[in-house]
C-alpha atoms as a PDB file:
ATOM      1  CA  MET A   1     109.760  83.285  97.778  1.00  0.00           C
ATOM      2  CA  PRO A   2     111.228  86.719  98.696  1.00  0.00           C
ATOM      3  CA  ASP A   3     114.679  85.741  97.391  1.00  0.00           C
ATOM      4  CA  ARG A   4     113.398  85.560  93.850  1.00  0.00           C
ATOM      5  CA  PHE A   5     112.590  89.280  93.780  1.00  0.00           C
ATOM      6  CA  PRO A   6     115.379  91.836  93.296  1.00  0.00           C
ATOM      7  CA  GLU A   7     115.634  94.534  95.937  1.00  0.00           C
ATOM      8  CA  ILE A   8     113.637  97.713  95.367  1.00  0.00           C
ATOM      9  CA  THR A   9     116.090 100.606  95.504  1.00  0.00           C
ATOM     10  CA  SER A  10     113.883 103.710  95.570  1.00  0.00           C
ATOM     11  CA  VAL A  11     110.480 105.001  96.613  1.00  0.00           C
ATOM     12  CA  ALA A  12     109.694 105.826  92.986  1.00  0.00           C
ATOM     13  CA  GLU A  13     110.398 102.225  92.010  1.00  0.00           C
ATOM     14  CA  PHE A  14     108.137 100.897  94.792  1.00  0.00           C
ATOM     15  CA  ILE A  15     105.279 103.176  93.739  1.00  0.00           C
ATOM     16  CA  ARG A  16     105.715 102.274  90.074  1.00  0.00           C
ATOM     17  CA  LEU A  17     105.622  98.559  90.927  1.00  0.00           C
ATOM     18  CA  ARG A  18     102.657  98.895  93.289  1.00  0.00           C
ATOM     19  CA  THR A  19     100.558 100.840  90.782  1.00  0.00           C
ATOM     20  CA  SER A  20     101.533  98.731  87.772  1.00  0.00           C
ATOM     21  CA  GLU A  21      98.936  96.841  85.751  1.00  0.00           C
ATOM     22  CA  ASP A  22     101.410  93.942  85.575  1.00  0.00           C
ATOM     23  CA  PRO A  23     100.674  91.355  88.308  1.00  0.00           C
ATOM     24  CA  ALA A  24     104.355  90.332  88.415  1.00  0.00           C
ATOM     25  CA  GLU A  25     105.374  93.899  89.241  1.00  0.00           C
ATOM     26  CA  ARG A  26     102.686  94.189  91.940  1.00  0.00           C
ATOM     27  CA  ASP A  27     103.970  90.883  93.365  1.00  0.00           C
ATOM     28  CA  ARG A  28     107.450  92.331  93.509  1.00  0.00           C
ATOM     29  CA  SER A  29     106.128  95.342  95.444  1.00  0.00           C
ATOM     30  CA  ALA A  30     104.609  92.889  97.935  1.00  0.00           C
ATOM     31  CA  TRP A  31     107.692  90.726  98.414  1.00  0.00           C
ATOM     32  CA  ALA A  32     110.915  92.549  97.586  1.00  0.00           C
ATOM     33  CA  ALA A  33     113.116  94.029 100.283  1.00  0.00           C
ATOM     34  CA  MET A  34     114.198  97.665 100.378  1.00  0.00           C
ATOM     35  CA  PRO A  35     116.973  99.484 102.217  1.00  0.00           C
ATOM     36  CA  LEU A  36     115.793 100.973 105.521  1.00  0.00           C
ATOM     37  CA  PRO A  37     116.211 104.612 104.346  1.00  0.00           C
ATOM     38  CA  VAL A  38     113.871 103.856 101.427  1.00  0.00           C
ATOM     39  CA  TRP A  39     111.304 102.409 103.841  1.00  0.00           C
ATOM     40  CA  HIS A  40     111.524 105.526 106.011  1.00  0.00           C
ATOM     41  CA  GLU A  41     111.112 107.833 103.030  1.00  0.00           C
ATOM     42  CA  LEU A  42     108.163 105.809 101.740  1.00  0.00           C
ATOM     43  CA  VAL A  43     106.151 105.946 104.960  1.00  0.00           C
ATOM     44  CA  ARG A  44     107.132 109.544 105.745  1.00  0.00           C
ATOM     45  CA  GLU A  45     106.550 111.089 102.314  1.00  0.00           C
ATOM     46  CA  HIS A  46     103.774 108.900 100.870  1.00  0.00           C
ATOM     47  CA  PRO A  47     100.937 108.266 103.339  1.00  0.00           C
ATOM     48  CA  ASP A  48      98.845 106.786 100.528  1.00  0.00           C
ATOM     49  CA  MET A  49     101.402 103.967 100.248  1.00  0.00           C
ATOM     50  CA  ARG A  50     101.496 103.020 103.951  1.00  0.00           C
ATOM     51  CA  PHE A  51      98.934 100.242 103.545  1.00  0.00           C
ATOM     52  CA  TRP A  52     101.069  98.767 100.777  1.00  0.00           C
ATOM     53  CA  ALA A  53     104.207  99.150 102.875  1.00  0.00           C
ATOM     54  CA  ALA A  54     102.483  97.112 105.600  1.00  0.00           C
ATOM     55  CA  HIS A  55     101.465  94.588 102.947  1.00  0.00           C
ATOM     56  CA  ASN A  56     105.070  94.009 101.844  1.00  0.00           C
ATOM     57  CA  ARG A  57     106.302  90.688 103.317  1.00  0.00           C
ATOM     58  CA  SER A  58     109.793  92.055 103.960  1.00  0.00           C
ATOM     59  CA  CYS A  59     108.678  95.192 105.801  1.00  0.00           C
ATOM     60  CA  PRO A  60     111.083  95.491 108.757  1.00  0.00           C
ATOM     61  CA  PRO A  61     109.810  95.541 112.358  1.00  0.00           C
ATOM     62  CA  GLU A  62     110.908  99.145 112.927  1.00  0.00           C
ATOM     63  CA  ILE A  63     108.669 100.246 110.036  1.00  0.00           C
ATOM     64  CA  LEU A  64     105.780  98.126 111.324  1.00  0.00           C
ATOM     65  CA  THR A  65     106.227  99.897 114.661  1.00  0.00           C
ATOM     66  CA  GLU A  66     105.699 103.211 112.888  1.00  0.00           C
ATOM     67  CA  LEU A  67     102.760 101.929 110.870  1.00  0.00           C
ATOM     68  CA  ILE A  68     100.731 100.900 113.934  1.00  0.00           C
ATOM     69  CA  LYS A  69     100.574 104.617 114.786  1.00  0.00           C
ATOM     70  CA  ASP A  70      98.961 105.499 111.448  1.00  0.00           C
ATOM     71  CA  ASP A  71      95.658 107.408 111.523  1.00  0.00           C
ATOM     72  CA  ASP A  72      94.149 105.012 108.972  1.00  0.00           C
ATOM     73  CA  TRP A  73      92.712 101.938 110.694  1.00  0.00           C
ATOM     74  CA  ARG A  74      93.248  99.922 107.494  1.00  0.00           C
ATOM     75  CA  VAL A  75      97.018 100.377 107.818  1.00  0.00           C
ATOM     76  CA  ARG A  76      96.963  99.290 111.473  1.00  0.00           C
ATOM     77  CA  SER A  77      94.691  96.349 110.618  1.00  0.00           C
ATOM     78  CA  ARG A  78      97.045  95.256 107.832  1.00  0.00           C
ATOM     79  CA  VAL A  79      99.958  95.249 110.274  1.00  0.00           C
ATOM     80  CA  ALA A  80      97.900  93.243 112.802  1.00  0.00           C
ATOM     81  CA  SER A  81      96.922  90.689 110.176  1.00  0.00           C
ATOM     82  CA  ARG A  82     100.493  89.892 109.174  1.00  0.00           C
ATOM     83  CA  ARG A  83     101.281  86.263 109.913  1.00  0.00           C
ATOM     84  CA  ASN A  84     104.605  87.282 111.466  1.00  0.00           C
ATOM     85  CA  CYS A  85     103.398  90.392 113.295  1.00  0.00           C
ATOM     86  CA  PRO A  86     105.592  90.806 116.379  1.00  0.00           C
ATOM     87  CA  ALA A  87     103.803  89.976 119.634  1.00  0.00           C
ATOM     88  CA  GLU A  88     104.718  93.358 121.146  1.00  0.00           C
ATOM     89  CA  LEU A  89     102.893  95.142 118.313  1.00  0.00           C
ATOM     90  CA  LEU A  90      99.846  92.922 118.749  1.00  0.00           C
ATOM     91  CA  GLU A  91      99.947  93.797 122.452  1.00  0.00           C
ATOM     92  CA  GLU A  92      99.728  97.501 121.579  1.00  0.00           C
ATOM     93  CA  LEU A  93      97.066  96.962 118.927  1.00  0.00           C
ATOM     94  CA  ALA A  94      94.788  95.214 121.438  1.00  0.00           C
ATOM     95  CA  ASP A  95      93.878  98.722 122.633  1.00  0.00           C
ATOM     96  CA  ASP A  96      93.237 100.094 119.139  1.00  0.00           C
ATOM     97  CA  PRO A  97      90.169 102.316 118.768  1.00  0.00           C
ATOM     98  CA  HIS A  98      88.956 100.435 115.692  1.00  0.00           C
ATOM     99  CA  ASP A  99      87.053  97.181 116.154  1.00  0.00           C
ATOM    100  CA  ALA A 100      88.524  95.552 113.025  1.00  0.00           C
ATOM    101  CA  VAL A 101      92.028  95.910 114.446  1.00  0.00           C
ATOM    102  CA  ARG A 102      91.049  94.552 117.875  1.00  0.00           C
ATOM    103  CA  SER A 103      89.180  91.672 116.236  1.00  0.00           C
ATOM    104  CA  THR A 104      92.307  90.685 114.337  1.00  0.00           C
ATOM    105  CA  VAL A 105      94.350  90.775 117.548  1.00  0.00           C
ATOM    106  CA  ALA A 106      91.769  88.613 119.353  1.00  0.00           C
ATOM    107  CA  THR A 107      92.192  85.822 116.806  1.00  0.00           C
ATOM    108  CA  HIS A 108      95.850  86.205 115.775  1.00  0.00           C
ATOM    109  CA  GLN A 109      97.916  83.111 116.539  1.00  0.00           C
ATOM    110  CA  HIS A 110     100.836  85.204 117.850  1.00  0.00           C
ATOM    111  CA  SER A 111      98.857  87.545 120.097  1.00  0.00           C
ATOM    112  CA  PRO A 112     100.152  87.455 123.655  1.00  0.00           C
ATOM    113  CA  ARG A 113      97.766  85.936 126.169  1.00  0.00           C
ATOM    114  CA  SER A 114      97.666  89.230 128.088  1.00  0.00           C
ATOM    115  CA  ALA A 115      96.368  91.057 124.987  1.00  0.00           C
ATOM    116  CA  VAL A 116      93.708  88.434 124.313  1.00  0.00           C
ATOM    117  CA  LEU A 117      92.648  88.503 127.977  1.00  0.00           C
ATOM    118  CA  ARG A 118      92.094  92.280 127.779  1.00  0.00           C
ATOM    119  CA  LEU A 119      89.855  91.714 124.770  1.00  0.00           C
ATOM    120  CA  THR A 120      87.539  89.324 126.671  1.00  0.00           C
ATOM    121  CA  ASP A 121      85.850  92.479 127.999  1.00  0.00           C
ATOM    122  CA  ASP A 122      85.776  94.307 124.671  1.00  0.00           C
ATOM    123  CA  PRO A 123      82.706  96.523 124.183  1.00  0.00           C
ATOM    124  CA  TRP A 124      81.964  94.773 120.879  1.00  0.00           C
ATOM    125  CA  ALA A 125      80.462  91.393 121.771  1.00  0.00           C
ATOM    126  CA  VAL A 126      81.906  89.635 118.710  1.00  0.00           C
ATOM    127  CA  ILE A 127      85.466  90.528 119.757  1.00  0.00           C
ATOM    128  CA  ALA A 128      84.848  89.635 123.410  1.00  0.00           C
ATOM    129  CA  GLU A 129      83.432  86.239 122.417  1.00  0.00           C
ATOM    130  CA  ALA A 130      86.332  85.519 120.040  1.00  0.00           C
ATOM    131  CA  ALA A 131      88.792  86.396 122.794  1.00  0.00           C
ATOM    132  CA  ARG A 132      86.981  84.250 125.375  1.00  0.00           C
ATOM    133  CA  THR A 133      86.967  81.313 122.956  1.00  0.00           C
ATOM    134  CA  ARG A 134      90.648  81.808 122.275  1.00  0.00           C
ATOM    135  CA  ILE A 135      91.479  81.901 126.014  1.00  0.00           C
ATOM    136  CA  ALA A 136      89.350  78.791 126.665  1.00  0.00           C
ATOM    137  CA  ASN A 137      91.369  76.942 124.026  1.00  0.00           C
ATOM    138  CA  TRP A 138      94.767  78.400 124.948  1.00  0.00           C
ATOM    139  CA  PRO A 139      97.515  75.759 124.960  1.00  0.00           C
ATOM    140  CA  GLN A 140      98.916  74.965 128.388  1.00  0.00           C
ATOM    141  CA  SER A 141     102.499  75.782 127.410  1.00  0.00           C
ATOM    142  CA  ALA A 142     101.975  78.614 124.934  1.00  0.00           C
ATOM    143  CA  PRO A 143     105.185  80.365 123.842  1.00  0.00           C
ATOM    144  CA  ASN A 144     103.522  83.828 123.900  1.00  0.00           C
ATOM    145  CA  GLU A 145     102.023  83.503 127.357  1.00  0.00           C
ATOM    146  CA  THR A 146     102.707  86.770 129.146  1.00  0.00           C
END
């Protein structure tokens, strides 16, 4: 699907697309690629757009790495909920101060076993139980077992 959207070439274009009333333009803001300098400018200069940067399916790993440091838990949670979130980011997010982020890590299919194991002792019982269930059902030859 991403190939059908032309590249976004500026921060102004991304913001215009994201805030558009046109669903097709909002879709483009969620799928289209951007050059790395545009990504950097977007997350550096427009904190209100960081959630939407994390929402974009073509957001590069180096930008996701920056976004997991965001003060807004919703940005970190959006990164954690990405289907293709890198395992090393999920590992870091297992120690997030916000329970919604840790809950997402506990149930994410790509979370490393070591991260899920840490969450079996989470102070929030719902997260700890989800992590224990996940560990109990962990495949014997899991690719993310660390």
